[in-house]
N, C-alpha and C. Protein backbone atom coordinates (compact mmCIF):
# COMPACT_ATOMS: atom_id res chain seq x y z
N GLY A 1 116.69 -32.69 20.16
CA GLY A 1 117.05 -33.95 19.53
C GLY A 1 118.32 -33.82 18.73
N GLU A 2 118.82 -34.95 18.41
CA GLU A 2 120.03 -35.03 17.59
C GLU A 2 119.70 -35.01 16.12
N LEU A 3 120.58 -34.45 15.35
CA LEU A 3 120.44 -34.41 13.90
C LEU A 3 121.62 -35.13 13.29
N SER A 4 121.35 -36.04 12.39
CA SER A 4 122.42 -36.74 11.68
C SER A 4 122.50 -36.23 10.26
N ILE A 5 123.71 -35.98 9.82
CA ILE A 5 123.93 -35.55 8.44
C ILE A 5 124.92 -36.51 7.81
N VAL A 6 124.57 -36.96 6.62
CA VAL A 6 125.47 -37.82 5.85
C VAL A 6 125.76 -37.09 4.55
N ILE A 7 127.03 -36.95 4.24
CA ILE A 7 127.43 -36.28 3.00
C ILE A 7 128.08 -37.32 2.09
N ALA A 8 127.55 -37.44 0.90
CA ALA A 8 128.11 -38.36 -0.10
C ALA A 8 128.84 -37.52 -1.14
N ILE A 9 130.13 -37.69 -1.20
CA ILE A 9 130.96 -36.95 -2.15
C ILE A 9 131.17 -37.81 -3.38
N GLY A 10 130.83 -37.28 -4.52
CA GLY A 10 130.94 -38.04 -5.76
C GLY A 10 132.33 -37.95 -6.37
N PRO A 11 132.54 -38.71 -7.42
CA PRO A 11 133.82 -38.67 -8.12
C PRO A 11 133.96 -37.36 -8.90
N GLU A 12 135.18 -37.02 -9.26
CA GLU A 12 135.42 -35.78 -9.99
C GLU A 12 134.67 -35.75 -11.32
N GLY A 13 134.38 -36.91 -11.87
CA GLY A 13 133.64 -37.00 -13.13
C GLY A 13 132.14 -36.82 -12.96
N GLY A 14 131.69 -36.75 -11.71
CA GLY A 14 130.26 -36.57 -11.45
C GLY A 14 129.54 -37.87 -11.22
N TRP A 15 128.31 -37.76 -10.74
CA TRP A 15 127.45 -38.91 -10.48
C TRP A 15 126.70 -39.27 -11.77
N THR A 16 126.45 -40.54 -11.96
CA THR A 16 125.59 -40.93 -13.08
C THR A 16 124.14 -40.68 -12.67
N ASP A 17 123.26 -40.61 -13.65
CA ASP A 17 121.84 -40.42 -13.34
C ASP A 17 121.31 -41.55 -12.47
N ALA A 18 121.78 -42.78 -12.74
CA ALA A 18 121.34 -43.94 -11.96
C ALA A 18 121.80 -43.84 -10.51
N GLU A 19 123.02 -43.36 -10.30
CA GLU A 19 123.54 -43.20 -8.93
C GLU A 19 122.74 -42.15 -8.16
N VAL A 20 122.42 -41.06 -8.82
CA VAL A 20 121.63 -40.01 -8.17
C VAL A 20 120.25 -40.53 -7.82
N LYS A 21 119.63 -41.22 -8.76
CA LYS A 21 118.30 -41.78 -8.53
C LYS A 21 118.31 -42.74 -7.34
N ARG A 22 119.31 -43.59 -7.27
CA ARG A 22 119.41 -44.57 -6.17
C ARG A 22 119.63 -43.86 -4.84
N ALA A 23 120.47 -42.85 -4.82
CA ALA A 23 120.71 -42.10 -3.58
C ALA A 23 119.42 -41.44 -3.09
N ILE A 24 118.65 -40.88 -4.01
CA ILE A 24 117.38 -40.25 -3.64
C ILE A 24 116.43 -41.29 -3.06
N GLU A 25 116.43 -42.49 -3.64
CA GLU A 25 115.58 -43.57 -3.12
C GLU A 25 115.94 -43.91 -1.68
N PHE A 26 117.22 -43.71 -1.31
CA PHE A 26 117.67 -43.99 0.05
C PHE A 26 117.55 -42.78 0.97
N GLY A 27 116.91 -41.71 0.49
CA GLY A 27 116.64 -40.57 1.33
C GLY A 27 117.60 -39.40 1.22
N PHE A 28 118.56 -39.50 0.31
CA PHE A 28 119.48 -38.38 0.13
C PHE A 28 118.78 -37.24 -0.59
N GLU A 29 119.20 -36.03 -0.29
CA GLU A 29 118.69 -34.85 -0.98
C GLU A 29 119.86 -34.25 -1.75
N PRO A 30 119.79 -34.28 -3.08
CA PRO A 30 120.91 -33.76 -3.87
C PRO A 30 121.13 -32.27 -3.64
N VAL A 31 122.39 -31.90 -3.52
CA VAL A 31 122.79 -30.50 -3.38
C VAL A 31 123.96 -30.29 -4.32
N SER A 32 124.00 -29.15 -4.95
CA SER A 32 125.06 -28.87 -5.91
C SER A 32 125.72 -27.54 -5.58
N LEU A 33 126.98 -27.43 -5.93
CA LEU A 33 127.69 -26.16 -5.81
C LEU A 33 127.68 -25.42 -7.15
N GLY A 34 126.78 -25.81 -8.02
CA GLY A 34 126.68 -25.18 -9.33
C GLY A 34 127.61 -25.86 -10.33
N SER A 35 128.19 -25.08 -11.20
CA SER A 35 129.03 -25.64 -12.26
C SER A 35 130.45 -25.95 -11.80
N ARG A 36 130.75 -25.62 -10.57
CA ARG A 36 132.11 -25.87 -10.06
C ARG A 36 132.38 -27.37 -9.95
N ILE A 37 133.56 -27.77 -10.37
CA ILE A 37 133.98 -29.16 -10.20
C ILE A 37 135.18 -29.13 -9.26
N LEU A 38 135.00 -29.71 -8.08
CA LEU A 38 136.06 -29.72 -7.08
C LEU A 38 136.81 -31.04 -7.14
N ARG A 39 138.04 -31.03 -6.72
CA ARG A 39 138.81 -32.27 -6.62
C ARG A 39 138.21 -33.10 -5.50
N ALA A 40 138.34 -34.41 -5.63
CA ALA A 40 137.76 -35.32 -4.64
C ALA A 40 138.32 -35.08 -3.24
N VAL A 41 139.55 -34.61 -3.14
CA VAL A 41 140.13 -34.35 -1.82
C VAL A 41 139.69 -33.00 -1.26
N THR A 42 139.26 -32.09 -2.12
CA THR A 42 138.83 -30.76 -1.69
C THR A 42 137.35 -30.72 -1.34
N ALA A 43 136.54 -31.48 -2.05
CA ALA A 43 135.08 -31.44 -1.87
C ALA A 43 134.64 -31.71 -0.43
N PRO A 44 135.20 -32.70 0.28
CA PRO A 44 134.75 -32.93 1.66
C PRO A 44 135.04 -31.73 2.58
N ILE A 45 136.16 -31.07 2.36
CA ILE A 45 136.51 -29.91 3.19
C ILE A 45 135.49 -28.79 2.96
N VAL A 46 135.16 -28.55 1.71
CA VAL A 46 134.17 -27.52 1.38
C VAL A 46 132.81 -27.88 1.96
N ALA A 47 132.40 -29.14 1.78
CA ALA A 47 131.09 -29.58 2.27
C ALA A 47 130.98 -29.42 3.79
N LEU A 48 131.98 -29.86 4.50
CA LEU A 48 131.95 -29.75 5.97
C LEU A 48 131.98 -28.29 6.41
N SER A 49 132.71 -27.46 5.70
CA SER A 49 132.75 -26.03 6.03
C SER A 49 131.38 -25.39 5.85
N LEU A 50 130.69 -25.73 4.76
CA LEU A 50 129.36 -25.18 4.52
C LEU A 50 128.34 -25.65 5.55
N VAL A 51 128.40 -26.92 5.91
CA VAL A 51 127.48 -27.44 6.93
C VAL A 51 127.77 -26.78 8.28
N GLY A 52 129.04 -26.68 8.62
CA GLY A 52 129.41 -26.03 9.87
C GLY A 52 128.95 -24.59 9.94
N ALA A 53 129.12 -23.85 8.85
CA ALA A 53 128.69 -22.46 8.82
C ALA A 53 127.17 -22.34 8.94
N ALA A 54 126.45 -23.25 8.31
CA ALA A 54 124.98 -23.23 8.38
C ALA A 54 124.49 -23.46 9.80
N PHE A 55 125.15 -24.34 10.53
CA PHE A 55 124.70 -24.65 11.89
C PHE A 55 125.16 -23.62 12.90
N GLU A 56 126.18 -22.85 12.60
CA GLU A 56 126.58 -21.77 13.50
C GLU A 56 125.50 -20.70 13.58
N LYS A 57 124.71 -20.58 12.52
CA LYS A 57 123.65 -19.57 12.47
C LYS A 57 122.42 -19.98 13.25
N CYS A 58 122.33 -21.26 13.63
CA CYS A 58 121.13 -21.76 14.34
C CYS A 58 121.15 -21.37 15.80
């Protein structure tokens, strides 16, 4: 079967608690890179690289 992945990249200032709660209500699973704060233009590249690396192992 096919697997769909949706990545929601937040603003550099972070997500509000209300935004996180709403995303979870819509089925998102929060994932964090820890205390690192990435620029909004860098975060998608990192996220896609991590997803790609994870699926290469499958």
